[in-house]
Amino acid sequence: MSENYAAMSLQVVEQDICRAIAHAVRFECQTYPRPYKVAMLMQAPYYFQEAQIEAAIAAMDVAPEYADIRQVESSTAVLYLFSERFMTYGKAYGLCEWFEVEQFQNP
């Protein structure tokens, strides 16, 4: 088991949803770098419900320890999160637009 997966699993067990989301977003932005698709939080290892995710994102918007976590949405209204520690809004928007729209328009 990788260190990252172990950390994710521990956060799920501890039910610290805000911390789990922030960890996933920061890891994705720093490691790959790309924004994190919110829908991924409904899959393994998280299995968060949509209402849990919405509540956590709302709480993170006002918590200073998550001030770097921002939302970005594709033109098709698919929500992503990114960390301003590792990328700008423009880069995050461009990447989420590529993932959701532009890659399918290229032969």
C-alpha atoms as a PDB file:
ATOM      1  CA  MET A   1       0.000   0.000   0.000  1.00  0.00           C
ATOM      2  CA  SER A   2       1.431   3.400  -0.941  1.00  0.00           C
ATOM      3  CA  GLU A   3       1.920   6.111   1.659  1.00  0.00           C
ATOM      4  CA  ASN A   4      -0.617   8.320  -0.122  1.00  0.00           C
ATOM      5  CA  TYR A   5      -3.290   5.602  -0.219  1.00  0.00           C
ATOM      6  CA  ALA A   6      -2.697   4.828   3.451  1.00  0.00           C
ATOM      7  CA  ALA A   7      -3.157   8.514   4.322  1.00  0.00           C
ATOM      8  CA  MET A   8      -6.385   8.654   2.297  1.00  0.00           C
ATOM      9  CA  SER A   9      -7.726   5.532   3.976  1.00  0.00           C
ATOM     10  CA  LEU A  10      -6.909   6.862   7.439  1.00  0.00           C
ATOM     11  CA  GLN A  11      -8.743  10.123   6.755  1.00  0.00           C
ATOM     12  CA  VAL A  12     -11.801   8.194   5.610  1.00  0.00           C
ATOM     13  CA  VAL A  13     -11.773   6.086   8.781  1.00  0.00           C
ATOM     14  CA  GLU A  14     -11.386   9.224  10.891  1.00  0.00           C
ATOM     15  CA  GLN A  15     -14.292  10.846   8.996  1.00  0.00           C
ATOM     16  CA  ASP A  16     -12.276  14.032   8.490  1.00  0.00           C
ATOM     17  CA  ILE A  17     -13.814  14.859   5.131  1.00  0.00           C
ATOM     18  CA  CYS A  18     -12.379  18.372   4.782  1.00  0.00           C
ATOM     19  CA  ARG A  19      -8.867  17.145   5.510  1.00  0.00           C
ATOM     20  CA  ALA A  20      -9.296  14.190   3.145  1.00  0.00           C
ATOM     21  CA  ILE A  21     -10.451  16.449   0.319  1.00  0.00           C
ATOM     22  CA  ALA A  22      -7.645  18.952   0.895  1.00  0.00           C
ATOM     23  CA  HIS A  23      -5.048  16.161   0.971  1.00  0.00           C
ATOM     24  CA  ALA A  24      -6.349  14.661  -2.283  1.00  0.00           C
ATOM     25  CA  VAL A  25      -6.491  18.025  -4.047  1.00  0.00           C
ATOM     26  CA  ARG A  26      -3.031  19.140  -2.913  1.00  0.00           C
ATOM     27  CA  PHE A  27      -1.481  15.768  -3.771  1.00  0.00           C
ATOM     28  CA  GLU A  28      -3.026  15.785  -7.258  1.00  0.00           C
ATOM     29  CA  CYS A  29      -2.015  19.383  -7.974  1.00  0.00           C
ATOM     30  CA  GLN A  30       1.537  18.929  -6.738  1.00  0.00           C
ATOM     31  CA  THR A  31       2.237  15.463  -8.123  1.00  0.00           C
ATOM     32  CA  TYR A  32       0.708  15.478 -11.601  1.00  0.00           C
ATOM     33  CA  PRO A  33      -0.121  18.671 -11.736  1.00  0.00           C
ATOM     34  CA  ARG A  34      -3.820  18.778 -12.525  1.00  0.00           C
ATOM     35  CA  PRO A  35      -7.024  19.835 -10.783  1.00  0.00           C
ATOM     36  CA  TYR A  36      -9.000  17.224  -8.873  1.00  0.00           C
ATOM     37  CA  LYS A  37     -12.408  16.171 -10.210  1.00  0.00           C
ATOM     38  CA  VAL A  38     -14.935  16.387  -7.369  1.00  0.00           C
ATOM     39  CA  ALA A  39     -16.823  13.322  -8.658  1.00  0.00           C
ATOM     40  CA  MET A  40     -13.754  11.222  -7.776  1.00  0.00           C
ATOM     41  CA  LEU A  41     -14.644  11.706  -4.103  1.00  0.00           C
ATOM     42  CA  MET A  42     -17.679   9.453  -4.607  1.00  0.00           C
ATOM     43  CA  GLN A  43     -15.417   6.555  -5.620  1.00  0.00           C
ATOM     44  CA  ALA A  44     -12.942   4.368  -3.730  1.00  0.00           C
ATOM     45  CA  PRO A  45     -11.438   4.835  -1.240  1.00  0.00           C
ATOM     46  CA  TYR A  46     -13.694   7.720  -0.194  1.00  0.00           C
ATOM     47  CA  TYR A  47     -17.265   6.795  -1.135  1.00  0.00           C
ATOM     48  CA  PHE A  48     -18.478  10.198   0.101  1.00  0.00           C
ATOM     49  CA  GLN A  49     -22.078  11.144  -0.620  1.00  0.00           C
ATOM     50  CA  GLU A  50     -22.824  14.249  -2.684  1.00  0.00           C
ATOM     51  CA  ALA A  51     -24.325  16.046   0.336  1.00  0.00           C
ATOM     52  CA  GLN A  52     -21.187  15.304   2.393  1.00  0.00           C
ATOM     53  CA  ILE A  53     -18.969  16.704  -0.338  1.00  0.00           C
ATOM     54  CA  GLU A  54     -21.066  19.852  -0.736  1.00  0.00           C
ATOM     55  CA  ALA A  55     -21.059  20.465   3.029  1.00  0.00           C
ATOM     56  CA  ALA A  56     -17.301  19.909   3.239  1.00  0.00           C
ATOM     57  CA  ILE A  57     -16.560  22.275   0.356  1.00  0.00           C
ATOM     58  CA  ALA A  58     -18.774  24.935   1.956  1.00  0.00           C
ATOM     59  CA  ALA A  59     -16.928  24.504   5.268  1.00  0.00           C
ATOM     60  CA  MET A  60     -13.555  24.639   3.517  1.00  0.00           C
ATOM     61  CA  ASP A  61     -14.471  27.923   1.820  1.00  0.00           C
ATOM     62  CA  VAL A  62     -14.436  29.700   5.199  1.00  0.00           C
ATOM     63  CA  ALA A  63     -11.720  27.743   7.036  1.00  0.00           C
ATOM     64  CA  PRO A  64      -8.289  29.429   6.941  1.00  0.00           C
ATOM     65  CA  GLU A  65      -6.384  26.128   6.798  1.00  0.00           C
ATOM     66  CA  TYR A  66      -8.043  25.410   3.445  1.00  0.00           C
ATOM     67  CA  ALA A  67      -7.691  28.917   1.979  1.00  0.00           C
ATOM     68  CA  ASP A  68      -5.612  27.541  -0.911  1.00  0.00           C
ATOM     69  CA  ILE A  69      -8.339  25.133  -2.075  1.00  0.00           C
ATOM     70  CA  ARG A  70     -10.417  26.710  -4.846  1.00  0.00           C
ATOM     71  CA  GLN A  71     -13.204  25.617  -7.144  1.00  0.00           C
ATOM     72  CA  VAL A  72     -13.100  25.692 -10.927  1.00  0.00           C
ATOM     73  CA  GLU A  73     -15.791  24.512 -13.317  1.00  0.00           C
ATOM     74  CA  SER A  74     -15.617  23.431 -16.942  1.00  0.00           C
ATOM     75  CA  SER A  75     -17.931  24.943 -19.563  1.00  0.00           C
ATOM     76  CA  THR A  76     -20.022  21.790 -19.176  1.00  0.00           C
ATOM     77  CA  ALA A  77     -20.481  22.506 -15.432  1.00  0.00           C
ATOM     78  CA  VAL A  78     -18.195  19.743 -14.142  1.00  0.00           C
ATOM     79  CA  LEU A  79     -16.693  20.801 -10.819  1.00  0.00           C
ATOM     80  CA  TYR A  80     -12.995  20.471 -10.018  1.00  0.00           C
ATOM     81  CA  LEU A  81     -10.896  21.635  -7.079  1.00  0.00           C
ATOM     82  CA  PHE A  82      -7.316  22.884  -7.159  1.00  0.00           C
ATOM     83  CA  SER A  83      -4.729  24.235  -4.753  1.00  0.00           C
ATOM     84  CA  GLU A  84      -3.380  27.728  -5.314  1.00  0.00           C
ATOM     85  CA  ARG A  85      -0.146  26.500  -3.708  1.00  0.00           C
ATOM     86  CA  PHE A  86       0.593  24.515  -6.843  1.00  0.00           C
ATOM     87  CA  MET A  87      -1.318  26.081  -9.757  1.00  0.00           C
ATOM     88  CA  THR A  88      -3.125  29.187 -10.904  1.00  0.00           C
ATOM     89  CA  TYR A  89      -6.820  29.467 -11.671  1.00  0.00           C
ATOM     90  CA  GLY A  90      -6.020  29.805 -15.381  1.00  0.00           C
ATOM     91  CA  LYS A  91      -4.024  26.579 -15.476  1.00  0.00           C
ATOM     92  CA  ALA A  92      -6.691  24.727 -13.482  1.00  0.00           C
ATOM     93  CA  TYR A  93      -9.452  26.007 -15.764  1.00  0.00           C
ATOM     94  CA  GLY A  94      -7.521  25.137 -18.906  1.00  0.00           C
ATOM     95  CA  LEU A  95      -6.868  21.600 -17.702  1.00  0.00           C
ATOM     96  CA  CYS A  96     -10.422  20.904 -16.557  1.00  0.00           C
ATOM     97  CA  GLU A  97     -11.726  22.281 -19.869  1.00  0.00           C
ATOM     98  CA  TRP A  98      -9.323  19.949 -21.703  1.00  0.00           C
ATOM     99  CA  PHE A  99     -10.414  16.916 -19.656  1.00  0.00           C
ATOM    100  CA  GLU A 100     -14.137  17.579 -20.048  1.00  0.00           C
ATOM    101  CA  VAL A 101     -14.495  19.174 -23.499  1.00  0.00           C
ATOM    102  CA  GLU A 102     -11.497  19.742 -25.721  1.00  0.00           C
ATOM    103  CA  GLN A 103      -9.933  16.277 -25.754  1.00  0.00           C
ATOM    104  CA  PHE A 104     -13.150  14.901 -27.246  1.00  0.00           C
ATOM    105  CA  GLN A 105     -13.109  17.524 -30.017  1.00  0.00           C
ATOM    106  CA  ASN A 106      -9.707  16.391 -31.274  1.00  0.00           C
ATOM    107  CA  PRO A 107      -9.426  13.487 -33.694  1.00  0.00           C
END
